[in-house]
C-alpha atoms as a PDB file:
ATOM      1  CA  MET A   1     -17.895   5.053 -12.954  1.00  0.00           C
ATOM      2  CA  VAL A   2     -15.292   7.366 -13.085  1.00  0.00           C
ATOM      3  CA  LYS A   3     -12.310   8.120 -10.745  1.00  0.00           C
ATOM      4  CA  ASP A   4     -14.454  10.169  -8.361  1.00  0.00           C
ATOM      5  CA  ASP A   5     -16.379   7.086  -7.898  1.00  0.00           C
ATOM      6  CA  ILE A   6     -13.404   5.165  -6.978  1.00  0.00           C
ATOM      7  CA  ILE A   7     -11.972   7.589  -4.559  1.00  0.00           C
ATOM      8  CA  ASP A   8     -15.905   7.530  -2.432  1.00  0.00           C
ATOM      9  CA  ILE A   9     -15.318   3.989  -2.476  1.00  0.00           C
ATOM     10  CA  VAL A  10     -12.460   3.901  -0.749  1.00  0.00           C
ATOM     11  CA  TYR A  11     -13.056   6.590   1.292  1.00  0.00           C
ATOM     12  CA  LYS A  12     -15.954   4.752   2.595  1.00  0.00           C
ATOM     13  CA  LYS A  13     -15.187   1.136   2.615  1.00  0.00           C
ATOM     14  CA  VAL A  14     -11.458   1.363   3.701  1.00  0.00           C
ATOM     15  CA  GLY A  15     -12.022   4.377   6.431  1.00  0.00           C
ATOM     16  CA  PHE A  16      -9.233   7.061   4.820  1.00  0.00           C
ATOM     17  CA  THR A  17     -10.161  10.702   5.008  1.00  0.00           C
ATOM     18  CA  HIS A  18     -11.094  12.116   1.913  1.00  0.00           C
ATOM     19  CA  SER A  19      -7.756  13.487   1.000  1.00  0.00           C
ATOM     20  CA  GLU A  20      -6.022   9.984   1.950  1.00  0.00           C
ATOM     21  CA  ALA A  21      -8.495   8.608  -0.715  1.00  0.00           C
ATOM     22  CA  VAL A  22      -7.314  10.366  -3.281  1.00  0.00           C
ATOM     23  CA  ALA A  23      -3.769   9.861  -2.173  1.00  0.00           C
ATOM     24  CA  ALA A  24      -4.072   6.259  -2.796  1.00  0.00           C
ATOM     25  CA  VAL A  25      -6.228   6.088  -5.705  1.00  0.00           C
ATOM     26  CA  GLU A  26      -3.717   8.885  -7.142  1.00  0.00           C
ATOM     27  CA  LEU A  27      -0.951   6.667  -6.205  1.00  0.00           C
ATOM     28  CA  ILE A  28      -2.378   3.124  -7.683  1.00  0.00           C
ATOM     29  CA  PHE A  29      -3.236   4.963 -10.831  1.00  0.00           C
ATOM     30  CA  GLU A  30       0.435   6.687 -11.019  1.00  0.00           C
ATOM     31  CA  ALA A  31       2.240   3.298 -10.317  1.00  0.00           C
ATOM     32  CA  VAL A  32       0.303   1.574 -13.581  1.00  0.00           C
ATOM     33  CA  LYS A  33       1.044   4.728 -15.505  1.00  0.00           C
ATOM     34  CA  GLU A  34       4.838   4.201 -14.734  1.00  0.00           C
ATOM     35  CA  ARG A  35       5.199   0.290 -15.701  1.00  0.00           C
ATOM     36  CA  LEU A  36       3.449   0.729 -18.720  1.00  0.00           C
ATOM     37  CA  MET A  37       5.522   3.436 -19.736  1.00  0.00           C
ATOM     38  CA  ALA A  38       8.601   1.347 -19.031  1.00  0.00           C
ATOM     39  CA  GLY A  39       7.318  -1.082 -21.322  1.00  0.00           C
ATOM     40  CA  GLU A  40       6.184  -3.756 -18.723  1.00  0.00           C
ATOM     41  CA  ASP A  41       2.866  -5.210 -18.441  1.00  0.00           C
ATOM     42  CA  VAL A  42       0.193  -5.202 -15.510  1.00  0.00           C
ATOM     43  CA  ASN A  43      -1.313  -8.296 -14.015  1.00  0.00           C
ATOM     44  CA  ILE A  44      -3.922  -7.437 -11.278  1.00  0.00           C
ATOM     45  CA  VAL A  45      -5.094 -11.205 -10.000  1.00  0.00           C
ATOM     46  CA  GLY A  46      -8.614 -11.631 -10.630  1.00  0.00           C
ATOM     47  CA  PHE A  47      -9.153  -8.846 -12.532  1.00  0.00           C
ATOM     48  CA  GLY A  48      -7.057  -8.568 -15.560  1.00  0.00           C
ATOM     49  CA  LYS A  49      -4.252  -7.995 -17.441  1.00  0.00           C
ATOM     50  CA  PHE A  50      -2.784  -4.145 -19.168  1.00  0.00           C
ATOM     51  CA  CYS A  51      -0.494  -4.980 -22.226  1.00  0.00           C
ATOM     52  CA  LEU A  52       1.525  -3.023 -24.369  1.00  0.00           C
ATOM     53  CA  ARG A  53       1.494  -4.083 -28.220  1.00  0.00           C
ATOM     54  CA  ASP A  54       3.423  -2.709 -30.599  1.00  0.00           C
ATOM     55  CA  LYS A  55       1.978  -2.459 -34.384  1.00  0.00           C
ATOM     56  CA  LYS A  56       3.642  -2.031 -37.417  1.00  0.00           C
ATOM     57  CA  GLU A  57       3.362   0.331 -39.873  1.00  0.00           C
ATOM     58  CA  ARG A  58       0.834  -0.496 -42.762  1.00  0.00           C
ATOM     59  CA  VAL A  59      -0.629   0.631 -45.682  1.00  0.00           C
ATOM     60  CA  GLY A  60      -4.744   1.694 -44.602  1.00  0.00           C
ATOM     61  CA  ARG A  61      -7.271   2.951 -47.195  1.00  0.00           C
ATOM     62  CA  ASN A  62      -9.871   5.134 -46.884  1.00  0.00           C
ATOM     63  CA  PRO A  63     -12.969   3.457 -47.406  1.00  0.00           C
ATOM     64  CA  LYS A  64     -15.004   6.443 -48.814  1.00  0.00           C
ATOM     65  CA  THR A  65     -12.400   7.296 -52.177  1.00  0.00           C
ATOM     66  CA  GLY A  66     -10.098   4.346 -51.743  1.00  0.00           C
ATOM     67  CA  GLN A  67      -7.036   6.374 -51.613  1.00  0.00           C
ATOM     68  CA  GLU A  68      -4.026   4.372 -49.862  1.00  0.00           C
ATOM     69  CA  PHE A  69      -2.071   6.116 -47.034  1.00  0.00           C
ATOM     70  CA  LYS A  70       0.439   4.939 -44.469  1.00  0.00           C
ATOM     71  CA  ILE A  71      -0.363   4.305 -40.895  1.00  0.00           C
ATOM     72  CA  THR A  72       2.443   4.720 -38.900  1.00  0.00           C
ATOM     73  CA  SER A  73       3.943   2.116 -36.705  1.00  0.00           C
ATOM     74  CA  ARG A  74       2.547   2.658 -32.918  1.00  0.00           C
ATOM     75  CA  ARG A  75       2.385   1.317 -29.113  1.00  0.00           C
ATOM     76  CA  VAL A  76      -1.408   0.241 -28.394  1.00  0.00           C
ATOM     77  CA  LEU A  77      -2.472  -0.249 -24.844  1.00  0.00           C
ATOM     78  CA  THR A  78      -5.084  -3.582 -24.670  1.00  0.00           C
ATOM     79  CA  PHE A  79      -6.600  -5.036 -22.126  1.00  0.00           C
ATOM     80  CA  LYS A  80      -7.434  -8.937 -21.391  1.00  0.00           C
ATOM     81  CA  PRO A  81      -9.934  -9.787 -18.608  1.00  0.00           C
ATOM     82  CA  SER A  82      -9.181 -12.624 -16.275  1.00  0.00           C
ATOM     83  CA  LYS A  83     -11.141 -15.540 -16.401  1.00  0.00           C
ATOM     84  CA  ASN A  84     -12.897 -14.460 -12.786  1.00  0.00           C
ATOM     85  CA  LEU A  85     -13.757 -11.236 -13.946  1.00  0.00           C
ATOM     86  CA  LYS A  86     -15.276 -12.694 -17.102  1.00  0.00           C
ATOM     87  CA  GLU A  87     -17.271 -15.334 -15.158  1.00  0.00           C
ATOM     88  CA  ILE A  88     -18.698 -12.512 -13.013  1.00  0.00           C
ATOM     89  CA  VAL A  89     -19.757  -9.943 -15.635  1.00  0.00           C
ATOM     90  CA  ASN A  90     -21.327 -13.443 -17.906  1.00  0.00           C
ATOM     91  CA  ASN A  91     -23.290 -14.290 -15.046  1.00  0.00           C
ATOM     92  CA  LYS A  92     -24.991 -11.820 -13.353  1.00  0.00           C
END
């Protein structure tokens, strides 16, 4: 599924015009991005939670040569599905 598929679903099920459906989906994605950029978690009840985690700097190793190198600290985005979503996916 891609963003256009989501737009089509909103267009068909909600009754928006196509341009209104595009605007609604874009608005939702922008709101999620803004909250994540502000360092907040995004929790969608019944679906899951998007979280930002800080990973510390660490030493990595090239598996082919064994040479060590520094992996810089960074933020990573994680998704934790809700209990409902897990049950739906596992039972169907």
